[in-house]
């Protein structure tokens, strides 16, 4: 069996004065990439989240992989058939939106960096 890599944890930093910060933890599971989001400061609105190509500074606006909505500050998604190593080959960022209605407003973002 392939060696399981250690989970990668990245910081999600507040954008647009949202005050929303947190972490994203990514690791390879049995079926695919598991992405766990933990956010504080978001209030009680369900928030869309995605993995986008690019960086927080320069995002491709079209999401590459949708993540489950952040509900009560938490979200967990399995992206089937994708590995952490695949995502680390290109710049990707995890992005959280204010709400489904106000998806154009980004409230938190983190860059997925390749392993050093």
Protein backbone atom coordinates (compact mmCIF):
# COMPACT_ATOMS: atom_id res chain seq x y z
CA UNK A 1 0.00 0.00 0.00
CA UNK A 2 1.12 3.55 -0.69
CA UNK A 3 2.57 5.34 2.28
CA UNK A 4 0.04 7.70 3.83
CA UNK A 5 1.30 11.23 3.89
CA UNK A 6 0.92 13.37 6.95
CA UNK A 7 -2.03 15.75 6.91
CA UNK A 8 -1.29 19.23 5.66
CA UNK A 9 -2.72 22.04 7.72
CA UNK A 10 -3.00 25.51 6.27
CA UNK A 11 -4.18 28.77 7.72
CA UNK A 12 -7.24 30.51 6.38
CA UNK A 13 -6.84 34.25 6.76
CA UNK A 14 -9.59 36.83 6.88
CA UNK A 15 -10.40 38.78 3.72
CA UNK A 16 -12.44 41.95 3.20
CA UNK A 17 -12.40 42.78 6.93
CA UNK A 18 -14.55 39.72 7.65
CA UNK A 19 -12.70 38.76 10.82
CA UNK A 20 -13.06 35.11 9.74
CA UNK A 21 -10.02 32.97 10.31
CA UNK A 22 -9.38 29.29 10.70
CA UNK A 23 -7.62 26.26 9.35
CA UNK A 24 -7.99 23.76 6.56
CA UNK A 25 -6.65 20.25 7.08
CA UNK A 26 -6.11 18.08 4.01
CA UNK A 27 -5.18 14.42 3.94
CA UNK A 28 -5.52 11.42 1.68
CA UNK A 29 -8.35 9.10 2.68
CA UNK A 30 -9.46 5.72 1.35
CA UNK A 31 -11.70 7.25 -1.34
CA UNK A 32 -9.94 10.51 -2.03
CA UNK A 33 -8.78 13.77 -0.58
CA UNK A 34 -10.39 14.73 2.72
CA UNK A 35 -10.68 18.46 3.35
CA UNK A 36 -11.69 19.65 6.82
CA UNK A 37 -12.39 23.33 7.38
CA UNK A 38 -12.61 24.96 10.80
CA UNK A 39 -13.54 28.63 10.91
CA UNK A 40 -14.29 31.16 13.61
CA UNK A 41 -16.08 34.48 13.26
CA UNK A 42 -18.51 33.50 10.53
CA UNK A 43 -21.79 33.82 12.34
CA UNK A 44 -24.63 31.41 11.63
CA UNK A 45 -24.91 31.58 7.84
CA UNK A 46 -23.96 28.52 5.78
CA UNK A 47 -20.99 29.56 3.66
CA UNK A 48 -19.92 28.15 0.30
CA UNK A 49 -16.30 27.00 0.09
CA UNK A 50 -14.21 25.82 -2.84
CA UNK A 51 -10.74 24.91 -3.95
CA UNK A 52 -9.69 27.30 -6.72
CA UNK A 53 -6.70 27.29 -9.01
CA UNK A 54 -4.26 30.10 -8.26
CA UNK A 55 -3.50 31.89 -5.02
CA UNK A 56 -5.51 34.03 -2.63
CA UNK A 57 -3.93 37.05 -4.29
CA UNK A 58 -4.88 35.92 -7.81
CA UNK A 59 -7.68 33.35 -7.89
CA UNK A 60 -9.26 31.75 -10.90
CA UNK A 61 -12.88 32.71 -10.14
CA UNK A 62 -14.18 29.36 -11.39
CA UNK A 63 -13.98 26.76 -8.59
CA UNK A 64 -11.98 23.63 -9.39
CA UNK A 65 -13.41 21.51 -6.56
CA UNK A 66 -16.52 22.44 -4.60
CA UNK A 67 -16.40 21.81 -0.85
CA UNK A 68 -19.34 21.28 1.45
CA UNK A 69 -20.78 24.48 2.86
CA UNK A 70 -19.23 25.67 6.11
CA UNK A 71 -21.95 25.15 8.73
CA UNK A 72 -21.41 26.32 12.32
CA UNK A 73 -17.76 26.96 11.46
CA UNK A 74 -17.10 23.45 10.13
CA UNK A 75 -17.04 21.60 6.84
CA UNK A 76 -15.74 18.22 5.76
CA UNK A 77 -15.58 17.06 2.15
CA UNK A 78 -14.18 14.01 0.39
CA UNK A 79 -13.00 14.79 -3.15
CA UNK A 80 -13.03 11.37 -4.75
CA UNK A 81 -10.14 10.33 -6.94
CA UNK A 82 -7.96 13.29 -5.99
CA UNK A 83 -4.76 13.14 -3.94
CA UNK A 84 -2.95 15.76 -1.95
CA UNK A 85 0.11 15.30 -4.17
CA UNK A 86 -1.96 16.25 -7.23
CA UNK A 87 -3.06 19.50 -5.61
CA UNK A 88 0.48 20.32 -4.55
CA UNK A 89 1.73 20.26 -8.15
CA UNK A 90 0.00 23.54 -9.01
CA UNK A 91 -0.97 26.57 -7.00
CA UNK A 92 -4.38 26.11 -5.42
CA UNK A 93 -6.19 28.06 -2.75
CA UNK A 94 -9.12 27.29 -0.49
CA UNK A 95 -11.66 30.04 -0.44
CA UNK A 96 -14.70 30.67 1.74
CA UNK A 97 -17.53 32.95 0.60
CA UNK A 98 -19.74 35.13 2.77
CA UNK A 99 -22.95 33.30 1.87
CA UNK A 100 -24.69 31.69 -1.08
CA UNK A 101 -26.41 35.01 -1.75
CA UNK A 102 -23.21 37.02 -1.42
CA UNK A 103 -20.82 34.53 -3.01
CA UNK A 104 -18.85 37.34 -4.67
CA UNK A 105 -17.60 38.42 -1.24
CA UNK A 106 -14.65 36.35 -0.08
CA UNK A 107 -14.36 36.12 3.70
CA UNK A 108 -11.42 33.77 4.17
CA UNK A 109 -8.68 32.22 2.04
CA UNK A 110 -5.61 30.05 2.36
CA UNK A 111 -2.92 29.08 -0.14
CA UNK A 112 -2.11 25.40 -0.47
CA UNK A 113 1.66 25.34 -0.65
CA UNK A 114 3.71 22.55 -2.13
CA UNK A 115 5.83 20.65 0.39
CA UNK A 116 9.27 22.16 0.86
